[in-house]
Amino acid sequence: EIISLAPINRLEDIAQIVEEYQIDIFYSSLPNLRKPDCYLLDCKRIFSIHGMRAVEMPLDRYEYKYRDSLKEYLIFLYKKFWTQKYVDDRIQIFKHFFERQGDSAKYIITTKHTQFTLMSLIPDIDLEQFKVWMPPLIYNKADMTVDISKEYHVDKKQFVLIIMANRWEKNAYRAIKAMDRLYEMHKEMNIKTLVAGMK
């Protein structure tokens, strides 16, 4: 088989799979930073670091609107009243993960901004381990165009699309409020708004 699917129920199972399948390179696009020991594997390890938003923007005044359980709301309150402690804890989680992985692990960072944030918050990291690979900007418009105008009854060339509305970090709530106000100010405006990601 060219591709084998290995069942995994816990992070702790990774080491067994690496040994069983004699894996040479292990890659995780979203490692669990709180469980660094699960990635201490007998092979080359590569991880993606997508950003440090938990450190750079730990909370927002509208975040509570996205919380639907007591636990999530308590976490929001913790961040609100002990913001610096929360940020310091997050930095320590990153540092501990990097330290546990040692010099042999490699990291892919998707932006220069994340690289500079890492350098400023954790100045003793080895930059040779961290490579910036930005997503390519070249794409074929014809291949990526999806016509949603019929399904959602909007003008193909005149509508506003707000995506990732289920994540407070993406500022969708503010965008919706802004569009609401715009519609109130210009009742003659006939441009529809589609919100994706939340009911």
Protein backbone atom coordinates (compact mmCIF):
# COMPACT_ATOMS: atom_id res chain seq x y z
CA GLU A 1 0.00 0.00 0.00
CA ILE A 2 1.21 3.50 -0.84
CA ILE A 3 -0.82 5.10 1.94
CA SER A 4 -1.65 3.30 5.18
CA LEU A 5 -4.17 4.60 7.68
CA ALA A 6 -3.08 3.93 11.25
CA PRO A 7 -5.81 4.15 13.91
CA ILE A 8 -4.94 6.42 16.80
CA ASN A 9 -7.06 7.10 19.87
CA ARG A 10 -4.59 8.98 22.06
CA LEU A 11 -1.51 11.10 21.48
CA GLU A 12 0.40 8.57 23.53
CA ASP A 13 -0.16 6.03 20.71
CA ILE A 14 2.05 7.99 18.29
CA ALA A 15 5.31 6.43 19.50
CA GLN A 16 3.93 2.92 18.98
CA ILE A 17 2.83 3.74 15.42
CA VAL A 18 6.20 5.31 14.59
CA GLU A 19 7.92 2.13 15.77
CA GLU A 20 5.46 -0.28 14.17
CA TYR A 21 5.55 1.38 10.74
CA GLN A 22 9.27 2.28 10.97
CA ILE A 23 8.52 5.92 10.21
CA ASP A 24 11.50 8.10 9.33
CA ILE A 25 9.80 11.52 9.42
CA PHE A 26 6.93 12.57 11.63
CA TYR A 27 5.03 15.78 10.82
CA SER A 28 2.30 17.47 12.84
CA SER A 29 0.50 20.50 11.46
CA LEU A 30 -1.10 21.24 14.83
CA PRO A 31 0.83 19.71 17.72
CA ASN A 32 -0.66 19.66 21.20
CA LEU A 33 1.78 22.01 22.93
CA ARG A 34 0.58 20.87 26.35
CA LYS A 35 1.77 17.31 25.73
CA PRO A 36 5.33 17.66 24.42
CA ASP A 37 6.46 14.25 25.66
CA CYS A 38 4.09 12.52 23.23
CA TYR A 39 6.30 13.77 20.39
CA LEU A 40 9.64 12.53 21.75
CA LEU A 41 9.95 10.03 18.92
CA ASP A 42 12.78 8.00 17.45
CA CYS A 43 12.62 9.76 14.08
CA LYS A 44 12.92 13.18 12.48
CA ARG A 45 10.17 15.52 13.75
CA ILE A 46 8.68 18.53 12.00
CA PHE A 47 5.95 20.76 13.42
CA SER A 48 3.97 23.72 12.09
CA ILE A 49 3.54 26.82 14.22
CA HIS A 50 0.62 28.78 12.75
CA GLY A 51 0.81 31.77 15.03
CA MET A 52 0.87 32.99 18.59
CA ARG A 53 -2.54 34.59 18.78
CA ALA A 54 -3.12 33.34 22.32
CA VAL A 55 -0.18 35.51 23.36
CA GLU A 56 -0.68 38.47 21.03
CA MET A 57 -4.44 38.78 21.39
CA PRO A 58 -5.57 36.68 24.36
CA LEU A 59 -9.09 38.08 24.60
CA ASP A 60 -11.67 40.46 23.22
CA ARG A 61 -14.63 42.27 24.77
CA TYR A 62 -17.01 40.29 22.54
CA GLU A 63 -15.47 36.90 23.21
CA TYR A 64 -18.06 36.03 25.84
CA LYS A 65 -20.75 35.99 23.14
CA TYR A 66 -19.06 32.93 21.66
CA ARG A 67 -18.95 30.97 24.89
CA ASP A 68 -21.70 28.39 25.35
CA SER A 69 -20.64 26.52 28.48
CA LEU A 70 -19.82 27.44 32.06
CA LYS A 71 -16.24 26.21 31.66
CA GLU A 72 -15.64 28.39 28.57
CA TYR A 73 -17.16 31.40 30.28
CA LEU A 74 -14.94 30.90 33.35
CA ILE A 75 -11.87 30.74 31.09
CA PHE A 76 -12.97 34.02 29.52
CA LEU A 77 -13.29 35.62 32.98
CA TYR A 78 -9.86 34.30 33.95
CA LYS A 79 -8.33 35.88 30.85
CA LYS A 80 -10.21 39.12 31.48
CA PHE A 81 -9.08 39.62 35.07
CA TRP A 82 -5.68 37.90 34.98
CA THR A 83 -4.61 38.67 31.42
CA GLN A 84 -0.87 38.94 32.04
CA LYS A 85 -0.76 35.67 33.96
CA TYR A 86 -2.66 33.98 31.14
CA VAL A 87 -0.19 35.37 28.56
CA ASP A 88 2.83 34.37 30.65
CA ASP A 89 1.43 30.85 31.00
CA ARG A 90 0.98 30.59 27.23
CA ILE A 91 4.57 31.71 26.62
CA GLN A 92 5.79 29.07 29.08
CA ILE A 93 3.80 26.40 27.23
CA PHE A 94 5.58 27.30 23.97
CA LYS A 95 8.99 27.42 25.69
CA HIS A 96 8.49 24.09 27.42
CA PHE A 97 7.43 22.41 24.18
CA PHE A 98 10.51 23.70 22.33
CA GLU A 99 12.82 22.71 25.19
CA ARG A 100 11.42 19.17 25.41
CA GLN A 101 11.77 18.62 21.66
CA GLY A 102 15.42 19.65 21.79
CA ASP A 103 17.74 20.58 18.94
CA SER A 104 16.65 17.80 16.59
CA ALA A 105 13.09 19.08 15.97
CA LYS A 106 12.32 21.44 13.08
CA TYR A 107 9.50 23.95 12.82
CA ILE A 108 7.63 25.48 9.89
CA ILE A 109 6.29 29.00 10.46
CA THR A 110 3.77 30.45 8.01
CA THR A 111 4.56 34.17 8.47
CA LYS A 112 7.49 36.45 9.25
CA HIS A 113 5.28 38.06 11.87
CA THR A 114 5.14 34.81 13.86
CA GLN A 115 8.91 34.44 13.52
CA PHE A 116 9.51 37.92 14.96
CA THR A 117 7.00 37.30 17.75
CA LEU A 118 8.87 34.13 18.71
CA MET A 119 12.18 35.98 18.61
CA SER A 120 10.91 38.73 20.89
CA LEU A 121 9.16 36.49 23.42
CA ILE A 122 11.63 33.59 23.44
CA PRO A 123 14.96 35.19 22.46
CA ASP A 124 17.09 32.10 23.19
CA ILE A 125 15.47 29.87 20.53
CA ASP A 126 17.69 28.52 17.75
CA LEU A 127 16.46 30.21 14.57
CA GLU A 128 18.05 27.44 12.47
CA GLN A 129 15.24 25.20 13.70
CA PHE A 130 12.51 27.61 12.55
CA LYS A 131 11.92 28.08 8.82
CA VAL A 132 9.40 30.51 7.37
CA TRP A 133 7.42 28.97 4.52
CA MET A 134 4.73 31.39 3.45
CA PRO A 135 1.73 30.11 1.46
CA PRO A 136 2.02 30.73 -2.29
CA LEU A 137 0.04 33.67 -3.65
CA ILE A 138 -0.23 32.41 -7.21
CA TYR A 139 -3.46 30.64 -8.02
CA ASN A 140 -5.75 30.03 -10.96
CA LYS A 141 -8.85 32.19 -10.52
CA ALA A 142 -10.91 30.03 -12.82
CA ASP A 143 -10.23 26.93 -10.71
CA MET A 144 -11.03 28.66 -7.41
CA THR A 145 -14.23 30.47 -8.36
CA VAL A 146 -17.32 28.98 -6.72
CA ASP A 147 -20.70 30.33 -7.78
CA ILE A 148 -22.87 30.58 -4.65
CA SER A 149 -25.20 33.23 -6.02
CA LYS A 150 -28.02 30.84 -6.98
CA GLU A 151 -27.99 28.82 -3.77
CA TYR A 152 -28.12 31.91 -1.55
CA HIS A 153 -30.09 34.20 -3.89
CA VAL A 154 -27.52 36.98 -4.08
CA ASP A 155 -26.16 39.06 -6.92
CA LYS A 156 -23.10 37.27 -8.27
CA LYS A 157 -20.99 40.46 -8.30
CA GLN A 158 -22.46 42.39 -5.37
CA PHE A 159 -22.55 40.74 -1.97
CA VAL A 160 -20.53 40.78 1.24
CA LEU A 161 -19.14 37.46 2.54
CA ILE A 162 -18.13 37.17 6.20
CA ILE A 163 -16.32 33.91 6.97
CA MET A 164 -15.25 32.07 10.14
CA ALA A 165 -18.03 33.64 12.16
CA ASN A 166 -17.66 30.89 14.76
CA ARG A 167 -14.30 32.29 15.94
CA TRP A 168 -14.16 35.52 17.90
CA GLU A 169 -10.57 36.08 16.76
CA LYS A 170 -11.75 36.73 13.20
CA ASN A 171 -13.81 39.80 14.17
CA ALA A 172 -16.93 38.54 12.40
CA TYR A 173 -19.20 39.93 15.12
CA ARG A 174 -17.83 43.44 14.57
CA ALA A 175 -18.24 43.04 10.81
CA ILE A 176 -21.88 41.98 11.27
CA LYS A 177 -22.54 44.97 13.56
CA ALA A 178 -20.92 47.27 11.00
CA MET A 179 -23.05 45.88 8.17
CA ASP A 180 -26.15 46.22 10.37
CA ARG A 181 -25.40 49.89 10.88
CA LEU A 182 -24.68 50.39 7.20
CA TYR A 183 -28.07 48.91 6.29
CA GLU A 184 -29.77 51.23 8.78
CA MET A 185 -28.02 54.29 7.35
CA HIS A 186 -28.63 53.29 3.73
CA LYS A 187 -31.96 51.50 3.59
CA GLU A 188 -31.92 51.70 -0.20
CA MET A 189 -28.80 49.52 -0.35
CA ASN A 190 -29.56 46.24 -2.07
CA ILE A 191 -26.36 44.33 -1.31
CA LYS A 192 -26.84 41.14 0.71
CA THR A 193 -24.47 39.82 3.39
CA LEU A 194 -23.68 36.13 3.78
CA VAL A 195 -22.26 34.88 7.08
CA ALA A 196 -20.43 31.54 7.04
CA GLY A 197 -19.38 29.45 10.01
CA MET A 198 -22.18 30.04 12.51
CA LYS A 199 -25.93 29.60 12.67
